[in-house]
Each structure stands twice: as structure tokens, then as C-alpha cells.
Full PDB file with SEQRES, HELIX, SHEET, SSBOND, CRYST1, ORIGX, SCALE, CONECT and MASTER records, all heavy atoms in Angstrom:
SEQRES   1 A   33  GLY GLY THR CYS VAL ILE ARG GLY CYS ILE PRO LYS LYS          
SEQRES   2 A   33  LEU LEU VAL TYR GLY SER GLN ALA CYS THR ALA LEU HIS          
SEQRES   3 A   33  ASP ALA GLU ALA TYR GLY ILE                                  
HELIX    1 AA1 GLY A    2  ARG A    7  1                                   6    
HELIX    2 AA2 CYS A    9  ASP A   27  1                                  19    
HELIX    3 AA3 ALA A   28  TYR A   31  5                                   4    
CRYST1    1.000    1.000    1.000  90.00  90.00  90.00 P 1           1          
ORIGX1      1.000000  0.000000  0.000000        0.00000                         
ORIGX2      0.000000  1.000000  0.000000        0.00000                         
ORIGX3      0.000000  0.000000  1.000000        0.00000                         
SCALE1      1.000000  0.000000  0.000000        0.00000                         
SCALE2      0.000000  1.000000  0.000000        0.00000                         
SCALE3      0.000000  0.000000  1.000000        0.00000                         
ATOM      1  N   GLY A   1     122.632   9.271 272.945  1.00  0.00           N  
ATOM      2  CA  GLY A   1     122.957   9.063 274.293  1.00  0.00           C  
ATOM      3  C   GLY A   1     123.709  10.161 274.971  1.00  0.00           C  
ATOM      4  O   GLY A   1     123.874  10.292 276.145  1.00  0.00           O  
ATOM      5  N   GLY A   2     124.434  10.952 274.049  1.00  0.00           N  
ATOM      6  CA  GLY A   2     125.275  12.063 274.541  1.00  0.00           C  
ATOM      7  C   GLY A   2     126.544  11.714 275.211  1.00  0.00           C  
ATOM      8  O   GLY A   2     126.970  10.565 275.288  1.00  0.00           O  
ATOM      9  N   THR A   3     127.127  12.760 275.873  1.00  0.00           N  
ATOM     10  CA  THR A   3     128.342  12.613 276.513  1.00  0.00           C  
ATOM     11  C   THR A   3     128.385  11.532 277.567  1.00  0.00           C  
ATOM     12  O   THR A   3     129.319  10.722 277.591  1.00  0.00           O  
ATOM     13  CB  THR A   3     128.812  13.878 277.233  1.00  0.00           C  
ATOM     14  OG1 THR A   3     128.836  14.939 276.261  1.00  0.00           O  
ATOM     15  CG2 THR A   3     130.165  13.847 277.967  1.00  0.00           C  
ATOM     16  N   CYS A   4     127.326  11.421 278.471  1.00  0.00           N  
ATOM     17  CA  CYS A   4     127.411  10.536 279.548  1.00  0.00           C  
ATOM     18  C   CYS A   4     127.401   9.094 279.047  1.00  0.00           C  
ATOM     19  O   CYS A   4     128.199   8.286 279.536  1.00  0.00           O  
ATOM     20  CB  CYS A   4     126.075  10.738 280.320  1.00  0.00           C  
ATOM     21  SG  CYS A   4     126.008   9.501 281.788  1.00  0.00           S  
ATOM     22  N   VAL A   5     126.517   8.601 278.132  1.00  0.00           N  
ATOM     23  CA  VAL A   5     126.515   7.361 277.712  1.00  0.00           C  
ATOM     24  C   VAL A   5     127.626   6.937 276.717  1.00  0.00           C  
ATOM     25  O   VAL A   5     128.227   5.936 276.799  1.00  0.00           O  
ATOM     26  CB  VAL A   5     125.183   7.095 276.873  1.00  0.00           C  
ATOM     27  CG1 VAL A   5     125.078   5.718 276.274  1.00  0.00           C  
ATOM     28  CG2 VAL A   5     123.939   7.196 277.952  1.00  0.00           C  
ATOM     29  N   ILE A   6     127.943   7.840 275.865  1.00  0.00           N  
ATOM     30  CA  ILE A   6     128.954   7.562 274.808  1.00  0.00           C  
ATOM     31  C   ILE A   6     130.340   7.664 275.199  1.00  0.00           C  
ATOM     32  O   ILE A   6     131.205   6.890 274.854  1.00  0.00           O  
ATOM     33  CB  ILE A   6     128.621   8.458 273.524  1.00  0.00           C  
ATOM     34  CG1 ILE A   6     127.144   8.235 273.128  1.00  0.00           C  
ATOM     35  CG2 ILE A   6     129.530   7.938 272.280  1.00  0.00           C  
ATOM     36  CD1 ILE A   6     126.645   6.892 272.826  1.00  0.00           C  
ATOM     37  N   ARG A   7     130.715   8.785 275.758  1.00  0.00           N  
ATOM     38  CA  ARG A   7     132.098   9.171 275.989  1.00  0.00           C  
ATOM     39  C   ARG A   7     132.297   9.772 277.397  1.00  0.00           C  
ATOM     40  O   ARG A   7     133.185  10.538 277.621  1.00  0.00           O  
ATOM     41  CB  ARG A   7     132.602  10.068 274.986  1.00  0.00           C  
ATOM     42  CG  ARG A   7     131.783  11.444 274.831  1.00  0.00           C  
ATOM     43  CD  ARG A   7     132.180  12.218 273.659  1.00  0.00           C  
ATOM     44  NE  ARG A   7     131.746  11.574 272.511  1.00  0.00           N  
ATOM     45  CZ  ARG A   7     130.587  11.682 271.929  1.00  0.00           C  
ATOM     46  NH1 ARG A   7     129.673  12.530 272.530  1.00  0.00           N  
ATOM     47  NH2 ARG A   7     130.121  11.072 270.807  1.00  0.00           N  
ATOM     48  N   GLY A   8     131.513   9.423 278.394  1.00  0.00           N  
ATOM     49  CA  GLY A   8     131.556  10.074 279.725  1.00  0.00           C  
ATOM     50  C   GLY A   8     131.361   9.038 280.841  1.00  0.00           C  
ATOM     51  O   GLY A   8     132.041   8.047 281.022  1.00  0.00           O  
ATOM     52  N   CYS A   9     130.327   9.466 281.670  1.00  0.00           N  
ATOM     53  CA  CYS A   9     129.995   8.661 282.826  1.00  0.00           C  
ATOM     54  C   CYS A   9     130.029   7.189 282.698  1.00  0.00           C  
ATOM     55  O   CYS A   9     130.729   6.412 283.524  1.00  0.00           O  
ATOM     56  CB  CYS A   9     128.577   9.133 283.372  1.00  0.00           C  
ATOM     57  SG  CYS A   9     128.201  10.807 283.182  1.00  0.00           S  
ATOM     58  N   ILE A  10     129.290   6.560 281.702  1.00  0.00           N  
ATOM     59  CA  ILE A  10     129.092   5.196 281.630  1.00  0.00           C  
ATOM     60  C   ILE A  10     130.471   4.505 281.269  1.00  0.00           C  
ATOM     61  O   ILE A  10     130.905   3.592 282.011  1.00  0.00           O  
ATOM     62  CB  ILE A  10     127.905   4.761 280.716  1.00  0.00           C  
ATOM     63  CG1 ILE A  10     126.643   5.470 281.274  1.00  0.00           C  
ATOM     64  CG2 ILE A  10     127.876   3.305 280.707  1.00  0.00           C  
ATOM     65  CD1 ILE A  10     126.263   5.036 282.630  1.00  0.00           C  
ATOM     66  N   PRO A  11     131.024   4.751 280.143  1.00  0.00           N  
ATOM     67  CA  PRO A  11     132.271   4.065 279.745  1.00  0.00           C  
ATOM     68  C   PRO A  11     133.404   4.308 280.791  1.00  0.00           C  
ATOM     69  O   PRO A  11     134.239   3.449 281.075  1.00  0.00           O  
ATOM     70  CB  PRO A  11     132.614   4.621 278.268  1.00  0.00           C  
ATOM     71  CG  PRO A  11     131.840   5.880 278.275  1.00  0.00           C  
ATOM     72  CD  PRO A  11     130.602   5.791 279.059  1.00  0.00           C  
ATOM     73  N   LYS A  12     133.370   5.547 281.294  1.00  0.00           N  
ATOM     74  CA  LYS A  12     134.424   5.880 282.264  1.00  0.00           C  
ATOM     75  C   LYS A  12     134.317   4.938 283.589  1.00  0.00           C  
ATOM     76  O   LYS A  12     135.379   4.491 284.120  1.00  0.00           O  
ATOM     77  CB  LYS A  12     134.421   7.313 282.735  1.00  0.00           C  
ATOM     78  CG  LYS A  12     135.429   7.747 283.700  1.00  0.00           C  
ATOM     79  CD  LYS A  12     135.164   9.292 284.085  1.00  0.00           C  
ATOM     80  CE  LYS A  12     133.856   9.440 284.800  1.00  0.00           C  
ATOM     81  NZ  LYS A  12     133.473  10.811 285.144  1.00  0.00           N  
ATOM     82  N   LYS A  13     133.061   4.899 284.050  1.00  0.00           N  
ATOM     83  CA  LYS A  13     132.849   4.132 285.275  1.00  0.00           C  
ATOM     84  C   LYS A  13     133.175   2.667 285.067  1.00  0.00           C  
ATOM     85  O   LYS A  13     133.639   1.919 285.887  1.00  0.00           O  
ATOM     86  CB  LYS A  13     131.444   4.267 285.712  1.00  0.00           C  
ATOM     87  CG  LYS A  13     131.102   3.740 287.146  1.00  0.00           C  
ATOM     88  CD  LYS A  13     131.827   4.458 288.248  1.00  0.00           C  
ATOM     89  CE  LYS A  13     131.534   3.989 289.665  1.00  0.00           C  
ATOM     90  NZ  LYS A  13     130.109   4.085 289.954  1.00  0.00           N  
ATOM     91  N   LEU A  14     132.962   2.145 283.735  1.00  0.00           N  
ATOM     92  CA  LEU A  14     133.341   0.755 283.418  1.00  0.00           C  
ATOM     93  C   LEU A  14     134.790   0.585 283.461  1.00  0.00           C  
ATOM     94  O   LEU A  14     135.332  -0.418 283.945  1.00  0.00           O  
ATOM     95  CB  LEU A  14     132.736   0.287 282.154  1.00  0.00           C  
ATOM     96  CG  LEU A  14     131.190   0.234 281.951  1.00  0.00           C  
ATOM     97  CD1 LEU A  14     130.738   0.031 280.634  1.00  0.00           C  
ATOM     98  CD2 LEU A  14     130.735  -0.815 282.943  1.00  0.00           C  
ATOM     99  N   LEU A  15     135.555   1.661 283.068  1.00  0.00           N  
ATOM    100  CA  LEU A  15     136.967   1.657 283.199  1.00  0.00           C  
ATOM    101  C   LEU A  15     137.383   1.578 284.578  1.00  0.00           C  
ATOM    102  O   LEU A  15     138.382   0.913 284.978  1.00  0.00           O  
ATOM    103  CB  LEU A  15     137.678   2.808 282.442  1.00  0.00           C  
ATOM    104  CG  LEU A  15     137.627   2.753 281.005  1.00  0.00           C  
ATOM    105  CD1 LEU A  15     138.253   4.091 280.343  1.00  0.00           C  
ATOM    106  CD2 LEU A  15     138.573   1.617 280.413  1.00  0.00           C  
ATOM    107  N   VAL A  16     136.795   2.337 285.437  1.00  0.00           N  
ATOM    108  CA  VAL A  16     137.008   2.344 286.923  1.00  0.00           C  
ATOM    109  C   VAL A  16     136.853   0.995 287.433  1.00  0.00           C  
ATOM    110  O   VAL A  16     137.751   0.495 288.239  1.00  0.00           O  
ATOM    111  CB  VAL A  16     136.140   3.390 287.634  1.00  0.00           C  
ATOM    112  CG1 VAL A  16     136.205   3.197 289.091  1.00  0.00           C  
ATOM    113  CG2 VAL A  16     136.431   4.723 287.208  1.00  0.00           C  
ATOM    114  N   TYR A  17     135.812   0.279 287.139  1.00  0.00           N  
ATOM    115  CA  TYR A  17     135.529  -1.139 287.651  1.00  0.00           C  
ATOM    116  C   TYR A  17     136.681  -1.997 287.194  1.00  0.00           C  
ATOM    117  O   TYR A  17     137.129  -2.853 287.961  1.00  0.00           O  
ATOM    118  CB  TYR A  17     134.216  -1.637 287.084  1.00  0.00           C  
ATOM    119  CG  TYR A  17     132.995  -0.923 287.727  1.00  0.00           C  
ATOM    120  CD1 TYR A  17     131.872  -0.754 287.063  1.00  0.00           C  
ATOM    121  CD2 TYR A  17     133.038  -0.544 289.121  1.00  0.00           C  
ATOM    122  CE1 TYR A  17     130.719  -0.178 287.576  1.00  0.00           C  
ATOM    123  CE2 TYR A  17     131.977  -0.004 289.778  1.00  0.00           C  
ATOM    124  CZ  TYR A  17     130.714   0.223 288.997  1.00  0.00           C  
ATOM    125  OH  TYR A  17     129.585   0.803 289.522  1.00  0.00           O  
ATOM    126  N   GLY A  18     137.172  -1.842 285.970  1.00  0.00           N  
ATOM    127  CA  GLY A  18     138.130  -2.623 285.449  1.00  0.00           C  
ATOM    128  C   GLY A  18     139.496  -2.434 286.262  1.00  0.00           C  
ATOM    129  O   GLY A  18     140.286  -3.402 286.540  1.00  0.00           O  
ATOM    130  N   SER A  19     139.754  -1.223 286.516  1.00  0.00           N  
ATOM    131  CA  SER A  19     140.957  -0.737 287.264  1.00  0.00           C  
ATOM    132  C   SER A  19     140.794  -1.377 288.636  1.00  0.00           C  
ATOM    133  O   SER A  19     141.826  -1.858 289.206  1.00  0.00           O  
ATOM    134  CB  SER A  19     141.109   0.664 287.303  1.00  0.00           C  
ATOM    135  OG  SER A  19     142.206   1.138 288.067  1.00  0.00           O  
ATOM    136  N   GLN A  20     139.622  -1.217 289.292  1.00  0.00           N  
ATOM    137  CA  GLN A  20     139.488  -1.773 290.706  1.00  0.00           C  
ATOM    138  C   GLN A  20     139.614  -3.269 290.679  1.00  0.00           C  
ATOM    139  O   GLN A  20     140.108  -3.815 291.656  1.00  0.00           O  
ATOM    140  CB  GLN A  20     138.004  -1.369 291.169  1.00  0.00           C  
ATOM    141  CG  GLN A  20     138.002   0.125 291.515  1.00  0.00           C  
ATOM    142  CD  GLN A  20     136.553   0.592 291.880  1.00  0.00           C  
ATOM    143  OE1 GLN A  20     135.563  -0.223 291.481  1.00  0.00           O  
ATOM    144  NE2 GLN A  20     136.437   1.684 292.464  1.00  0.00           N  
ATOM    145  N   ALA A  21     139.189  -3.938 289.687  1.00  0.00           N  
ATOM    146  CA  ALA A  21     139.242  -5.434 289.636  1.00  0.00           C  
ATOM    147  C   ALA A  21     140.739  -5.818 289.684  1.00  0.00           C  
ATOM    148  O   ALA A  21     141.163  -6.801 290.304  1.00  0.00           O  
ATOM    149  CB  ALA A  21     138.634  -5.968 288.409  1.00  0.00           C  
ATOM    150  N   CYS A  22     141.621  -5.102 288.929  1.00  0.00           N  
ATOM    151  CA  CYS A  22     143.033  -5.300 288.882  1.00  0.00           C  
ATOM    152  C   CYS A  22     143.626  -5.149 290.411  1.00  0.00           C  
ATOM    153  O   CYS A  22     144.390  -5.994 290.769  1.00  0.00           O  
ATOM    154  CB  CYS A  22     143.743  -4.454 287.986  1.00  0.00           C  
ATOM    155  SG  CYS A  22     143.378  -4.776 286.222  1.00  0.00           S  
ATOM    156  N   THR A  23     143.295  -4.042 290.973  1.00  0.00           N  
ATOM    157  CA  THR A  23     143.714  -3.781 292.315  1.00  0.00           C  
ATOM    158  C   THR A  23     143.336  -4.881 293.268  1.00  0.00           C  
ATOM    159  O   THR A  23     144.040  -5.403 294.113  1.00  0.00           O  
ATOM    160  CB  THR A  23     143.148  -2.392 292.773  1.00  0.00           C  
ATOM    161  OG1 THR A  23     143.633  -1.494 291.886  1.00  0.00           O  
ATOM    162  CG2 THR A  23     143.690  -2.140 294.223  1.00  0.00           C  
ATOM    163  N   ALA A  24     142.065  -5.335 293.220  1.00  0.00           N  
ATOM    164  CA  ALA A  24     141.529  -6.397 294.022  1.00  0.00           C  
ATOM    165  C   ALA A  24     142.328  -7.677 293.830  1.00  0.00           C  
ATOM    166  O   ALA A  24     142.660  -8.330 294.852  1.00  0.00           O  
ATOM    167  CB  ALA A  24     140.056  -6.623 293.743  1.00  0.00           C  
ATOM    168  N   LEU A  25     142.690  -8.086 292.530  1.00  0.00           N  
ATOM    169  CA  LEU A  25     143.539  -9.225 292.314  1.00  0.00           C  
ATOM    170  C   LEU A  25     144.938  -9.106 292.969  1.00  0.00           C  
ATOM    171  O   LEU A  25     145.496 -10.129 293.503  1.00  0.00           O  
ATOM    172  CB  LEU A  25     143.591  -9.515 290.916  1.00  0.00           C  
ATOM    173  CG  LEU A  25     142.337  -9.870 290.174  1.00  0.00           C  
ATOM    174  CD1 LEU A  25     142.468  -9.945 288.721  1.00  0.00           C  
ATOM    175  CD2 LEU A  25     141.858 -11.229 290.721  1.00  0.00           C  
ATOM    176  N   HIS A  26     145.516  -7.926 292.859  1.00  0.00           N  
ATOM    177  CA  HIS A  26     146.736  -7.724 293.476  1.00  0.00           C  
ATOM    178  C   HIS A  26     146.672  -7.879 295.102  1.00  0.00           C  
ATOM    179  O   HIS A  26     147.695  -8.221 295.701  1.00  0.00           O  
ATOM    180  CB  HIS A  26     147.420  -6.385 293.105  1.00  0.00           C  
ATOM    181  CG  HIS A  26     147.852  -6.316 291.690  1.00  0.00           C  
ATOM    182  ND1 HIS A  26     148.922  -7.080 291.296  1.00  0.00           N  
ATOM    183  CD2 HIS A  26     147.458  -5.620 290.645  1.00  0.00           C  
ATOM    184  CE1 HIS A  26     149.139  -6.762 290.044  1.00  0.00           C  
ATOM    185  NE2 HIS A  26     148.222  -5.935 289.560  1.00  0.00           N  
ATOM    186  N   ASP A  27     145.535  -7.534 295.649  1.00  0.00           N  
ATOM    187  CA  ASP A  27     145.411  -7.557 297.073  1.00  0.00           C  
ATOM    188  C   ASP A  27     145.075  -9.023 297.596  1.00  0.00           C  
ATOM    189  O   ASP A  27     144.935  -9.224 298.739  1.00  0.00           O  
ATOM    190  CB  ASP A  27     144.357  -6.616 297.513  1.00  0.00           C  
ATOM    191  CG  ASP A  27     144.835  -5.167 297.476  1.00  0.00           C  
ATOM    192  OD1 ASP A  27     146.002  -4.882 297.389  1.00  0.00           O  
ATOM    193  OD2 ASP A  27     143.942  -4.261 297.507  1.00  0.00           O  
ATOM    194  N   ALA A  28     144.761  -9.846 296.627  1.00  0.00           N  
ATOM    195  CA  ALA A  28     144.081 -11.117 296.989  1.00  0.00           C  
ATOM    196  C   ALA A  28     145.036 -11.930 297.930  1.00  0.00           C  
ATOM    197  O   ALA A  28     144.548 -12.614 298.853  1.00  0.00           O  
ATOM    198  CB  ALA A  28     143.841 -11.927 295.749  1.00  0.00           C  
ATOM    199  N   GLU A  29     146.262 -11.825 297.685  1.00  0.00           N  
ATOM    200  CA  GLU A  29     147.303 -12.630 298.510  1.00  0.00           C  
ATOM    201  C   GLU A  29     147.151 -12.331 300.028  1.00  0.00           C  
ATOM    202  O   GLU A  29     147.307 -13.236 300.806  1.00  0.00           O  
ATOM    203  CB  GLU A  29     148.684 -12.358 298.111  1.00  0.00           C  
ATOM    204  CG  GLU A  29     149.721 -13.190 298.650  1.00  0.00           C  
ATOM    205  CD  GLU A  29     151.203 -12.976 298.160  1.00  0.00           C  
ATOM    206  OE1 GLU A  29     151.256 -12.210 297.169  1.00  0.00           O  
ATOM    207  OE2 GLU A  29     152.145 -13.495 298.720  1.00  0.00           O  
ATOM    208  N   ALA A  30     146.738 -11.061 300.366  1.00  0.00           N  
ATOM    209  CA  ALA A  30     146.540 -10.709 301.821  1.00  0.00           C  
ATOM    210  C   ALA A  30     145.420 -11.447 302.346  1.00  0.00           C  
ATOM    211  O   ALA A  30     145.322 -11.575 303.637  1.00  0.00           O  
ATOM    212  CB  ALA A  30     146.370  -9.163 301.962  1.00  0.00           C  
ATOM    213  N   TYR A  31     144.461 -12.092 301.559  1.00  0.00           N  
ATOM    214  CA  TYR A  31     143.413 -12.771 302.063  1.00  0.00           C  
ATOM    215  C   TYR A  31     143.552 -14.330 301.853  1.00  0.00           C  
ATOM    216  O   TYR A  31     142.666 -15.113 301.955  1.00  0.00           O  
ATOM    217  CB  TYR A  31     142.101 -12.391 301.352  1.00  0.00           C  
ATOM    218  CG  TYR A  31     141.780 -10.981 301.751  1.00  0.00           C  
ATOM    219  CD1 TYR A  31     142.167  -9.873 300.910  1.00  0.00           C  
ATOM    220  CD2 TYR A  31     141.018 -10.602 302.849  1.00  0.00           C  
ATOM    221  CE1 TYR A  31     141.833  -8.563 301.210  1.00  0.00           C  
ATOM    222  CE2 TYR A  31     140.726  -9.357 303.235  1.00  0.00           C  
ATOM    223  CZ  TYR A  31     141.054  -8.259 302.432  1.00  0.00           C  
ATOM    224  OH  TYR A  31     140.881  -7.045 302.692  1.00  0.00           O  
ATOM    225  N   GLY A  32     144.885 -14.670 301.571  1.00  0.00           N  
ATOM    226  CA  GLY A  32     145.167 -16.132 301.452  1.00  0.00           C  
ATOM    227  C   GLY A  32     144.824 -16.687 300.064  1.00  0.00           C  
ATOM    228  O   GLY A  32     144.711 -17.879 299.810  1.00  0.00           O  
ATOM    229  N   ILE A  33     144.566 -15.810 299.059  1.00  0.00           N  
ATOM    230  CA  ILE A  33     144.280 -16.256 297.711  1.00  0.00           C  
ATOM    231  C   ILE A  33     145.443 -16.139 296.772  1.00  0.00           C  
ATOM    232  O   ILE A  33     145.996 -14.973 296.642  1.00  0.00           O  
ATOM    233  CB  ILE A  33     143.095 -15.497 297.069  1.00  0.00           C  
ATOM    234  CG1 ILE A  33     141.850 -15.612 298.077  1.00  0.00           C  
ATOM    235  CG2 ILE A  33     142.783 -15.872 295.748  1.00  0.00           C  
ATOM    236  CD1 ILE A  33     140.704 -14.652 297.653  1.00  0.00           C  
TER     237      ILE A  33                                                      
MASTER        0    0    0    3    0    0    0    6  236    1    0    3          
END                                                                             
């Protein structure tokens, strides 16, 4: 799979999604959640 699949683009982007999910949860109160 190489750098992208094993230790680059793919796992990094999944970490980005995890980080964004945390940010969205912190913002939830602004939307009444």
C-alpha cells in the first residue's frame, strides 16, 4: 500500500475526521444540542 495507505494520506485523513468530530461536538451547543 505504500506511504499513502499505510502511514500517510489515508490514516492521516482519518485522524483529521476524528479531530473534526470533536470540534463539531464542542460546537453543538450553539445549535441547541
